Amino acid sequence: MLAKKASKNQITLPKAIASHFPGVAYFDVREEDGRIVPVPLRESKADEVRARLHEVGTTEEDVTNAVQWARR
């Protein structure tokens, strides 16, 4: 398949390729042996933990305070 680099250095993934990654919004892009390699980023466990903390009303300040308390 062919993809063209646009004037703003953007490359659009062909639909036939993108359809293999439903729900993926971000790719980690790296260079390996002269090739561009996009690796799909899926929701991580950290994202699940953050979502759960948000659901129960835990703020970033709460987490910071807990870390400071634990380090004493």
Protein backbone atom coordinates (compact mmCIF):
# COMPACT_ATOMS: atom_id res chain seq x y z
CA MET A 1 0.00 0.00 0.00
CA LEU A 2 1.09 3.52 -0.65
CA ALA A 3 1.02 6.47 1.78
CA LYS A 4 2.17 10.00 0.99
CA LYS A 5 3.88 12.39 3.40
CA ALA A 6 1.97 15.70 3.31
CA SER A 7 3.52 19.16 3.48
CA LYS A 8 3.13 19.23 7.28
CA ASN A 9 4.93 15.87 7.66
CA GLN A 10 1.66 13.99 8.15
CA ILE A 11 1.09 10.47 6.88
CA THR A 12 -2.42 9.06 6.66
CA LEU A 13 -2.77 5.37 7.33
CA PRO A 14 -4.57 3.56 4.52
CA LYS A 15 -8.10 2.52 5.55
CA ALA A 16 -7.26 -1.15 4.99
CA ILE A 17 -4.51 -0.87 7.61
CA ALA A 18 -6.31 1.44 10.07
CA SER A 19 -9.31 -0.91 10.15
CA HIS A 20 -7.12 -3.50 11.89
CA PHE A 21 -6.82 -1.15 14.90
CA PRO A 22 -10.35 -0.16 15.97
CA GLY A 23 -10.42 2.22 18.91
CA VAL A 24 -6.74 3.10 18.63
CA ALA A 25 -6.19 6.87 18.50
CA TYR A 26 -2.44 7.08 19.10
CA PHE A 27 0.62 5.36 17.72
CA ASP A 28 4.15 5.38 19.11
CA VAL A 29 6.26 6.15 16.04
CA ARG A 30 9.91 5.18 15.85
CA GLU A 31 12.62 4.67 13.28
CA GLU A 32 14.13 1.20 12.97
CA ASP A 33 16.76 0.39 10.37
CA GLY A 34 15.65 3.23 8.11
CA ARG A 35 11.95 2.37 8.39
CA ILE A 36 9.09 4.23 10.04
CA VAL A 37 7.38 1.89 12.51
CA PRO A 38 4.06 2.98 14.05
CA VAL A 39 3.09 0.90 17.10
CA PRO A 40 -0.52 1.19 18.27
CA LEU A 41 -0.98 2.38 21.85
CA ARG A 42 -3.85 0.71 23.58
CA GLU A 43 -5.40 1.83 26.85
CA SER A 44 -3.04 0.83 29.62
CA LYS A 45 -3.64 -0.37 33.16
CA ALA A 46 -2.48 3.06 34.33
CA ASP A 47 -5.33 4.63 32.35
CA GLU A 48 -7.76 2.19 33.99
CA VAL A 49 -6.46 3.14 37.45
CA ARG A 50 -6.72 6.86 36.66
CA ALA A 51 -10.30 6.38 35.44
CA ARG A 52 -11.25 4.48 38.60
CA LEU A 53 -9.65 7.10 40.86
CA HIS A 54 -11.61 9.76 38.99
CA GLU A 55 -14.84 7.77 39.48
CA VAL A 56 -14.37 7.66 43.25
CA GLY A 57 -13.42 11.33 43.45
CA THR A 58 -9.70 11.01 44.15
CA THR A 59 -7.78 14.10 43.00
CA GLU A 60 -4.14 14.52 41.99
CA GLU A 61 -3.65 16.43 45.23
CA ASP A 62 -4.95 13.41 47.18
CA VAL A 63 -2.41 11.19 45.43
CA THR A 64 0.42 13.68 46.03
CA ASN A 65 -0.48 13.90 49.72
CA ALA A 66 -0.61 10.09 50.01
CA VAL A 67 2.81 9.73 48.39
CA GLN A 68 4.29 12.38 50.72
CA TRP A 69 2.73 10.64 53.72
CA ALA A 70 4.10 7.25 52.63
CA ARG A 71 7.60 8.64 52.17
CA ARG A 72 7.81 9.89 55.77
